[in-house]
N, C-alpha and C. Protein backbone atom coordinates (compact mmCIF):
# COMPACT_ATOMS: atom_id res chain seq x y z
N MET A 1 -40.05 -22.89 4.63
CA MET A 1 -38.64 -22.54 4.60
C MET A 1 -38.26 -22.13 3.19
N LYS A 2 -37.38 -21.15 3.10
CA LYS A 2 -36.95 -20.66 1.80
C LYS A 2 -35.42 -20.70 1.74
N ALA A 3 -34.89 -21.29 0.70
CA ALA A 3 -33.43 -21.35 0.49
C ALA A 3 -33.08 -20.48 -0.72
N VAL A 4 -32.10 -19.61 -0.55
CA VAL A 4 -31.69 -18.71 -1.61
C VAL A 4 -30.21 -18.91 -1.89
N LEU A 5 -29.90 -19.12 -3.16
CA LEU A 5 -28.50 -19.23 -3.56
C LEU A 5 -28.02 -17.85 -4.00
N LYS A 6 -26.86 -17.43 -3.50
CA LYS A 6 -26.32 -16.12 -3.86
C LYS A 6 -24.86 -16.28 -4.23
N TYR A 7 -24.41 -15.41 -5.13
CA TYR A 7 -23.00 -15.39 -5.49
C TYR A 7 -22.23 -14.58 -4.46
N VAL A 8 -21.01 -14.99 -4.21
CA VAL A 8 -20.09 -14.24 -3.38
C VAL A 8 -18.90 -13.91 -4.27
N TYR A 9 -18.49 -12.64 -4.27
CA TYR A 9 -17.39 -12.19 -5.12
C TYR A 9 -16.17 -11.90 -4.25
N TYR A 10 -15.00 -12.37 -4.68
CA TYR A 10 -13.76 -12.20 -3.94
C TYR A 10 -12.77 -11.36 -4.75
N CYS A 11 -12.10 -10.45 -4.07
CA CYS A 11 -11.06 -9.65 -4.69
C CYS A 11 -9.93 -10.58 -5.13
N ASP A 12 -9.45 -10.41 -6.36
CA ASP A 12 -8.36 -11.25 -6.88
C ASP A 12 -7.04 -11.00 -6.15
N PHE A 13 -6.93 -9.88 -5.45
CA PHE A 13 -5.66 -9.50 -4.84
C PHE A 13 -5.62 -9.80 -3.35
N CYS A 14 -6.62 -9.34 -2.60
CA CYS A 14 -6.58 -9.50 -1.14
C CYS A 14 -7.59 -10.51 -0.61
N LYS A 15 -8.41 -11.05 -1.47
CA LYS A 15 -9.41 -12.07 -1.15
C LYS A 15 -10.56 -11.56 -0.28
N LYS A 16 -10.72 -10.24 -0.19
CA LYS A 16 -11.85 -9.66 0.52
C LYS A 16 -13.12 -10.07 -0.22
N ARG A 17 -14.21 -10.31 0.49
CA ARG A 17 -15.41 -10.80 -0.17
C ARG A 17 -16.52 -9.75 -0.21
N TYR A 18 -17.32 -9.86 -1.25
CA TYR A 18 -18.43 -8.93 -1.50
C TYR A 18 -19.65 -9.70 -1.95
N MET A 19 -20.81 -9.13 -1.70
CA MET A 19 -22.05 -9.76 -2.13
C MET A 19 -22.52 -9.20 -3.48
N THR A 20 -21.93 -8.10 -3.92
CA THR A 20 -22.29 -7.56 -5.24
C THR A 20 -21.03 -7.44 -6.09
N LYS A 21 -21.21 -7.72 -7.37
CA LYS A 21 -20.09 -7.70 -8.31
C LYS A 21 -19.52 -6.29 -8.47
N THR A 22 -20.39 -5.29 -8.55
CA THR A 22 -19.92 -3.92 -8.76
C THR A 22 -19.08 -3.43 -7.58
N ALA A 23 -19.46 -3.79 -6.37
CA ALA A 23 -18.67 -3.38 -5.20
C ALA A 23 -17.28 -4.01 -5.24
N CYS A 24 -17.22 -5.27 -5.65
CA CYS A 24 -15.94 -5.97 -5.74
C CYS A 24 -15.06 -5.35 -6.83
N GLU A 25 -15.65 -5.04 -7.98
CA GLU A 25 -14.91 -4.42 -9.07
C GLU A 25 -14.37 -3.05 -8.67
N LYS A 26 -15.18 -2.28 -7.95
CA LYS A 26 -14.76 -0.96 -7.49
C LYS A 26 -13.59 -1.09 -6.51
N HIS A 27 -13.67 -2.06 -5.61
CA HIS A 27 -12.60 -2.29 -4.64
C HIS A 27 -11.30 -2.70 -5.34
N GLU A 28 -11.40 -3.60 -6.32
CA GLU A 28 -10.20 -4.11 -7.00
C GLU A 28 -9.41 -3.00 -7.69
N LYS A 29 -10.10 -1.96 -8.18
CA LYS A 29 -9.41 -0.84 -8.84
C LYS A 29 -8.47 -0.12 -7.88
N HIS A 30 -8.82 -0.13 -6.59
CA HIS A 30 -8.07 0.64 -5.60
C HIS A 30 -7.43 -0.22 -4.51
N CYS A 31 -7.47 -1.53 -4.65
CA CYS A 31 -6.95 -2.45 -3.64
C CYS A 31 -5.45 -2.22 -3.46
N THR A 32 -4.98 -2.18 -2.22
CA THR A 32 -3.56 -1.91 -1.95
C THR A 32 -2.67 -3.12 -2.22
N LEU A 33 -3.22 -4.22 -2.70
CA LEU A 33 -2.39 -5.33 -3.16
C LEU A 33 -2.37 -5.42 -4.69
N ASN A 34 -3.03 -4.49 -5.34
CA ASN A 34 -3.07 -4.43 -6.80
C ASN A 34 -1.96 -3.47 -7.26
N GLN A 35 -0.95 -3.99 -7.93
CA GLN A 35 0.17 -3.15 -8.36
C GLN A 35 -0.22 -2.20 -9.49
N ASP A 36 -1.32 -2.46 -10.17
CA ASP A 36 -1.78 -1.59 -11.25
C ASP A 36 -2.97 -0.75 -10.82
N ARG A 37 -3.04 -0.45 -9.54
CA ARG A 37 -4.20 0.24 -8.98
C ARG A 37 -4.24 1.71 -9.38
N ASN A 38 -5.42 2.30 -9.24
CA ASN A 38 -5.61 3.73 -9.43
C ASN A 38 -5.59 4.35 -8.04
N CYS A 39 -4.64 5.22 -7.79
CA CYS A 39 -4.53 5.84 -6.47
C CYS A 39 -5.36 7.11 -6.43
N ARG A 40 -6.32 7.13 -5.54
CA ARG A 40 -7.18 8.31 -5.41
C ARG A 40 -6.43 9.49 -4.80
N LEU A 41 -5.47 9.21 -3.94
CA LEU A 41 -4.72 10.31 -3.32
C LEU A 41 -3.75 10.95 -4.30
N CYS A 42 -3.16 10.15 -5.18
CA CYS A 42 -2.25 10.72 -6.19
C CYS A 42 -3.02 11.66 -7.12
N ASP A 43 -4.27 11.35 -7.39
CA ASP A 43 -5.10 12.23 -8.22
C ASP A 43 -5.30 13.58 -7.54
N ILE A 44 -5.46 13.56 -6.23
CA ILE A 44 -5.68 14.80 -5.46
C ILE A 44 -4.37 15.58 -5.33
N GLY A 45 -3.27 14.86 -5.06
CA GLY A 45 -1.99 15.51 -4.82
C GLY A 45 -1.19 15.80 -6.07
N ASP A 46 -1.75 15.54 -7.24
CA ASP A 46 -1.07 15.77 -8.52
C ASP A 46 0.27 15.05 -8.61
N THR A 47 0.31 13.80 -8.15
CA THR A 47 1.50 12.98 -8.26
C THR A 47 1.13 11.68 -8.95
N TYR A 48 2.12 10.92 -9.34
CA TYR A 48 1.86 9.62 -9.94
C TYR A 48 3.02 8.69 -9.60
N THR A 49 2.69 7.50 -9.13
CA THR A 49 3.70 6.50 -8.81
C THR A 49 3.32 5.22 -9.53
N ASP A 50 4.23 4.69 -10.33
CA ASP A 50 4.02 3.41 -10.99
C ASP A 50 4.48 2.32 -10.02
N ILE A 51 3.53 1.77 -9.28
CA ILE A 51 3.85 0.81 -8.22
C ILE A 51 4.49 -0.45 -8.79
N ARG A 52 4.00 -0.91 -9.93
CA ARG A 52 4.57 -2.14 -10.52
C ARG A 52 6.06 -1.94 -10.83
N GLU A 53 6.38 -0.82 -11.46
CA GLU A 53 7.78 -0.52 -11.79
C GLU A 53 8.62 -0.37 -10.52
N LEU A 54 8.06 0.33 -9.53
CA LEU A 54 8.76 0.54 -8.26
C LEU A 54 9.03 -0.80 -7.56
N CYS A 55 8.03 -1.66 -7.50
CA CYS A 55 8.19 -2.96 -6.85
C CYS A 55 9.20 -3.83 -7.60
N ASP A 56 9.16 -3.79 -8.92
CA ASP A 56 10.13 -4.56 -9.71
C ASP A 56 11.55 -4.11 -9.39
N GLU A 57 11.72 -2.80 -9.26
CA GLU A 57 13.05 -2.25 -8.95
C GLU A 57 13.53 -2.69 -7.56
N TYR A 58 12.63 -2.62 -6.58
CA TYR A 58 13.01 -3.03 -5.22
C TYR A 58 13.19 -4.53 -5.09
N GLU A 59 12.40 -5.31 -5.85
CA GLU A 59 12.54 -6.77 -5.77
C GLU A 59 13.91 -7.23 -6.26
N LYS A 60 14.53 -6.44 -7.13
CA LYS A 60 15.88 -6.77 -7.59
C LYS A 60 16.90 -6.60 -6.47
N ARG A 61 16.53 -5.85 -5.44
CA ARG A 61 17.46 -5.55 -4.35
C ARG A 61 17.47 -6.59 -3.23
N PHE A 62 16.50 -7.49 -3.22
CA PHE A 62 16.52 -8.50 -2.17
C PHE A 62 15.94 -9.82 -2.65
N VAL A 63 16.28 -10.85 -1.92
CA VAL A 63 15.79 -12.20 -2.21
C VAL A 63 15.07 -12.69 -0.96
N LEU A 64 13.89 -13.26 -1.13
CA LEU A 64 13.16 -13.81 0.01
C LEU A 64 13.61 -15.24 0.23
N VAL A 65 14.02 -15.53 1.45
CA VAL A 65 14.52 -16.85 1.80
C VAL A 65 13.65 -17.41 2.91
N GLU A 66 13.27 -18.67 2.79
CA GLU A 66 12.46 -19.29 3.83
C GLU A 66 13.35 -19.63 5.01
N HIS A 67 12.91 -19.25 6.18
CA HIS A 67 13.69 -19.43 7.40
C HIS A 67 12.87 -20.24 8.39
N GLU A 68 13.44 -21.32 8.90
CA GLU A 68 12.72 -22.15 9.85
C GLU A 68 13.07 -21.69 11.25
N GLY A 69 12.07 -21.37 12.03
CA GLY A 69 12.30 -20.89 13.39
C GLY A 69 11.26 -21.45 14.34
N LYS A 70 11.08 -20.77 15.46
CA LYS A 70 10.09 -21.19 16.45
C LYS A 70 8.69 -20.95 15.91
N GLU A 71 7.72 -21.66 16.50
CA GLU A 71 6.34 -21.43 16.11
C GLU A 71 5.96 -20.04 16.59
N GLY A 72 5.49 -19.23 15.69
CA GLY A 72 5.26 -17.82 16.01
C GLY A 72 3.81 -17.46 16.15
N PHE A 73 3.57 -16.18 16.07
CA PHE A 73 2.24 -15.59 16.24
C PHE A 73 1.24 -16.15 15.23
N PHE A 74 1.71 -16.40 14.01
CA PHE A 74 0.81 -16.85 12.95
C PHE A 74 0.67 -18.37 12.94
N GLY A 75 1.33 -19.06 13.86
CA GLY A 75 1.15 -20.50 14.00
C GLY A 75 2.02 -21.35 13.11
N ASP A 76 2.87 -20.76 12.28
CA ASP A 76 3.73 -21.59 11.43
C ASP A 76 5.19 -21.34 11.80
N LYS A 77 6.02 -22.32 11.54
CA LYS A 77 7.43 -22.22 11.89
C LYS A 77 8.23 -21.52 10.81
N ASN A 78 7.75 -21.55 9.59
CA ASN A 78 8.51 -20.97 8.48
C ASN A 78 8.10 -19.52 8.25
N THR A 79 9.09 -18.65 8.18
CA THR A 79 8.84 -17.26 7.84
C THR A 79 9.75 -16.91 6.68
N ILE A 80 9.39 -15.89 5.96
CA ILE A 80 10.21 -15.47 4.81
C ILE A 80 11.04 -14.28 5.25
N VAL A 81 12.33 -14.39 5.07
CA VAL A 81 13.27 -13.36 5.50
C VAL A 81 13.95 -12.76 4.27
N PRO A 82 13.97 -11.44 4.15
CA PRO A 82 14.67 -10.85 3.01
C PRO A 82 16.17 -10.79 3.23
N ILE A 83 16.92 -11.15 2.22
CA ILE A 83 18.36 -11.01 2.24
C ILE A 83 18.65 -9.88 1.26
N TYR A 84 19.15 -8.75 1.76
CA TYR A 84 19.33 -7.56 0.95
C TYR A 84 20.67 -7.58 0.23
N SER A 85 20.61 -7.38 -1.09
CA SER A 85 21.85 -7.21 -1.83
C SER A 85 22.20 -5.72 -1.88
N LYS A 86 21.18 -4.88 -2.02
CA LYS A 86 21.33 -3.43 -1.94
C LYS A 86 20.27 -2.95 -0.96
N PRO A 87 20.64 -2.68 0.28
CA PRO A 87 19.64 -2.30 1.29
C PRO A 87 18.86 -1.05 0.90
N PHE A 88 17.63 -1.00 1.34
CA PHE A 88 16.82 0.20 1.18
C PHE A 88 16.01 0.39 2.45
N THR A 89 15.56 1.61 2.65
CA THR A 89 14.84 1.94 3.87
C THR A 89 13.43 2.40 3.53
N LEU A 90 12.66 2.60 4.57
CA LEU A 90 11.32 3.12 4.40
C LEU A 90 11.38 4.52 3.77
N GLN A 91 12.40 5.29 4.11
CA GLN A 91 12.54 6.63 3.54
C GLN A 91 12.73 6.57 2.02
N ASN A 92 13.44 5.54 1.53
CA ASN A 92 13.59 5.38 0.08
C ASN A 92 12.23 5.15 -0.58
N ILE A 93 11.40 4.33 0.05
CA ILE A 93 10.06 4.05 -0.49
C ILE A 93 9.22 5.33 -0.44
N LYS A 94 9.29 6.07 0.66
CA LYS A 94 8.54 7.33 0.78
C LYS A 94 8.93 8.31 -0.32
N ASP A 95 10.24 8.43 -0.55
CA ASP A 95 10.73 9.36 -1.58
C ASP A 95 10.26 8.93 -2.97
N ASP A 96 10.33 7.63 -3.26
CA ASP A 96 9.92 7.13 -4.57
C ASP A 96 8.42 7.24 -4.79
N CYS A 97 7.65 7.21 -3.71
CA CYS A 97 6.19 7.34 -3.82
C CYS A 97 5.74 8.78 -3.67
N GLU A 98 6.68 9.70 -3.61
CA GLU A 98 6.41 11.13 -3.49
C GLU A 98 5.53 11.45 -2.29
N GLY A 99 5.65 10.67 -1.21
CA GLY A 99 4.94 10.94 0.03
C GLY A 99 3.49 10.50 0.06
N CYS A 100 3.00 9.85 -0.97
CA CYS A 100 1.60 9.40 -0.99
C CYS A 100 1.44 8.21 -0.04
N PRO A 101 0.65 8.35 1.03
CA PRO A 101 0.52 7.27 2.01
C PRO A 101 -0.07 5.98 1.42
N ASN A 102 -1.01 6.09 0.50
CA ASN A 102 -1.58 4.88 -0.11
C ASN A 102 -0.57 4.14 -0.96
N CYS A 103 0.24 4.87 -1.71
CA CYS A 103 1.26 4.23 -2.55
C CYS A 103 2.36 3.60 -1.70
N ILE A 104 2.70 4.25 -0.59
CA ILE A 104 3.71 3.69 0.33
C ILE A 104 3.19 2.37 0.89
N LEU A 105 1.94 2.37 1.35
CA LEU A 105 1.34 1.15 1.89
C LEU A 105 1.27 0.06 0.83
N THR A 106 0.90 0.42 -0.39
CA THR A 106 0.82 -0.54 -1.48
C THR A 106 2.18 -1.15 -1.78
N ALA A 107 3.21 -0.31 -1.83
CA ALA A 107 4.57 -0.81 -2.10
C ALA A 107 5.00 -1.78 -1.01
N ILE A 108 4.74 -1.44 0.25
CA ILE A 108 5.12 -2.31 1.37
C ILE A 108 4.39 -3.64 1.27
N ARG A 109 3.09 -3.60 0.99
CA ARG A 109 2.31 -4.84 0.91
C ARG A 109 2.69 -5.68 -0.31
N CYS A 110 2.87 -5.04 -1.46
CA CYS A 110 3.18 -5.78 -2.69
C CYS A 110 4.59 -6.37 -2.66
N LEU A 111 5.49 -5.75 -1.92
CA LEU A 111 6.84 -6.28 -1.81
C LEU A 111 6.93 -7.43 -0.82
N GLY A 112 5.85 -7.69 -0.11
CA GLY A 112 5.86 -8.78 0.86
C GLY A 112 6.55 -8.39 2.15
N LEU A 113 6.62 -7.09 2.43
CA LEU A 113 7.27 -6.61 3.63
C LEU A 113 6.27 -6.37 4.75
N SER A 114 5.08 -6.97 4.64
CA SER A 114 4.03 -6.73 5.62
C SER A 114 4.46 -7.10 7.03
N PHE A 115 5.22 -8.18 7.18
CA PHE A 115 5.68 -8.58 8.51
C PHE A 115 6.56 -7.47 9.10
N TRP A 116 7.44 -6.91 8.27
CA TRP A 116 8.32 -5.84 8.73
C TRP A 116 7.56 -4.53 8.82
N TYR A 117 6.43 -4.45 8.13
CA TYR A 117 5.58 -3.26 8.22
C TYR A 117 5.02 -3.17 9.64
N PHE A 118 4.62 -4.29 10.20
CA PHE A 118 4.03 -4.29 11.53
C PHE A 118 5.07 -4.37 12.63
N ARG A 119 6.18 -5.07 12.40
CA ARG A 119 7.21 -5.23 13.42
C ARG A 119 8.57 -5.03 12.80
N GLY A 120 9.33 -4.13 13.32
CA GLY A 120 10.70 -4.04 12.87
C GLY A 120 11.00 -2.89 11.94
N LYS A 121 11.78 -3.20 10.93
CA LYS A 121 12.43 -2.20 10.08
C LYS A 121 11.46 -1.27 9.34
N PHE A 122 10.37 -1.78 8.82
CA PHE A 122 9.49 -0.96 8.00
C PHE A 122 8.24 -0.54 8.78
N LYS A 123 8.43 0.01 9.96
CA LYS A 123 7.29 0.50 10.73
C LYS A 123 6.81 1.79 10.06
N TYR A 124 5.64 1.73 9.50
CA TYR A 124 5.08 2.90 8.83
C TYR A 124 3.74 3.21 9.47
N ASP A 125 3.58 4.41 9.93
CA ASP A 125 2.34 4.84 10.56
C ASP A 125 1.43 5.41 9.46
N TYR A 126 0.57 4.57 8.94
CA TYR A 126 -0.30 4.97 7.83
C TYR A 126 -1.22 6.13 8.23
N LYS A 127 -1.78 6.05 9.42
CA LYS A 127 -2.70 7.10 9.86
C LYS A 127 -2.00 8.45 9.93
N LYS A 128 -0.80 8.46 10.47
CA LYS A 128 -0.04 9.71 10.55
C LYS A 128 0.33 10.20 9.15
N GLY A 129 0.72 9.28 8.28
CA GLY A 129 1.04 9.65 6.91
C GLY A 129 -0.14 10.27 6.19
N LEU A 130 -1.32 9.69 6.41
CA LEU A 130 -2.54 10.21 5.79
C LEU A 130 -2.88 11.59 6.36
N GLU A 131 -2.72 11.74 7.66
CA GLU A 131 -2.98 13.02 8.32
C GLU A 131 -2.05 14.10 7.77
N ASP A 132 -0.76 13.78 7.64
CA ASP A 132 0.22 14.73 7.10
C ASP A 132 -0.09 15.09 5.64
N PHE A 133 -0.53 14.09 4.86
CA PHE A 133 -0.89 14.31 3.46
C PHE A 133 -2.02 15.34 3.36
N TRP A 134 -3.09 15.13 4.15
CA TRP A 134 -4.24 16.04 4.08
C TRP A 134 -3.88 17.43 4.60
N LYS A 135 -2.99 17.49 5.60
CA LYS A 135 -2.54 18.80 6.11
C LYS A 135 -1.78 19.54 5.01
N GLU A 136 -0.92 18.83 4.29
CA GLU A 136 -0.15 19.45 3.21
C GLU A 136 -1.08 19.95 2.10
N ILE A 137 -2.09 19.15 1.74
CA ILE A 137 -3.06 19.57 0.71
C ILE A 137 -3.82 20.81 1.18
N GLY A 138 -4.24 20.81 2.45
CA GLY A 138 -4.96 21.96 3.01
C GLY A 138 -4.11 23.21 3.01
N ASP A 139 -2.84 23.07 3.39
CA ASP A 139 -1.93 24.21 3.39
C ASP A 139 -1.73 24.75 1.98
N ARG A 140 -1.59 23.85 1.02
CA ARG A 140 -1.39 24.26 -0.38
C ARG A 140 -2.62 25.02 -0.89
N GLU A 141 -3.82 24.53 -0.56
CA GLU A 141 -5.05 25.20 -1.01
C GLU A 141 -5.19 26.56 -0.34
N GLU A 142 -4.78 26.63 0.93
CA GLU A 142 -4.84 27.90 1.66
C GLU A 142 -3.91 28.94 1.01
N GLU A 143 -2.70 28.52 0.65
CA GLU A 143 -1.75 29.42 -0.01
C GLU A 143 -2.28 29.90 -1.34
N GLU A 144 -2.90 28.99 -2.10
CA GLU A 144 -3.47 29.37 -3.40
C GLU A 144 -4.61 30.36 -3.22
N ALA A 145 -5.43 30.16 -2.19
CA ALA A 145 -6.54 31.07 -1.94
C ALA A 145 -6.01 32.45 -1.55
N GLU A 146 -4.94 32.49 -0.75
CA GLU A 146 -4.34 33.78 -0.37
C GLU A 146 -3.76 34.49 -1.59
N ARG A 147 -3.08 33.73 -2.46
CA ARG A 147 -2.51 34.31 -3.67
C ARG A 147 -3.61 34.88 -4.56
N ASP A 148 -4.72 34.17 -4.67
CA ASP A 148 -5.82 34.62 -5.52
C ASP A 148 -6.46 35.89 -4.99
N THR A 149 -6.51 36.07 -3.67
CA THR A 149 -7.13 37.27 -3.13
C THR A 149 -6.24 38.51 -3.33
N TYR A 150 -4.94 38.33 -3.39
CA TYR A 150 -4.03 39.46 -3.60
C TYR A 150 -3.95 39.90 -5.05
N TYR A 151 -4.27 39.03 -5.98
CA TYR A 151 -4.14 39.36 -7.41
C TYR A 151 -5.45 39.59 -8.05
């Protein structure tokens, strides 16, 4: 019998686990719970969103309050409910993130709106957002190619 001890690496943000340090480090740079992340889509779309600054601004607009209710899907009675001092919508987040689906998802997750992301007010279809993003990039490249052929 052979026993082997191995290290397991966990993301500091989402707690995802890896068997190699380099894979974990690469993931952490782009993790959607990392407010200082490098967005690969913003690099492609020539946009930039400072998620930390954006989240700080939105966090000033609401207070999370613990609410005791029925035992729910996650098995606990306490849920966190936002009390809005200055309401904002998903469209506000989309506008501030310049339409980048990864930044929108990051803002929703970092603000703690994940429950509302899946049910209720902040229903965001990430797959559709990503599809629309790539369609817009493709259309832009097509227009540039047409312009280049005429000149």
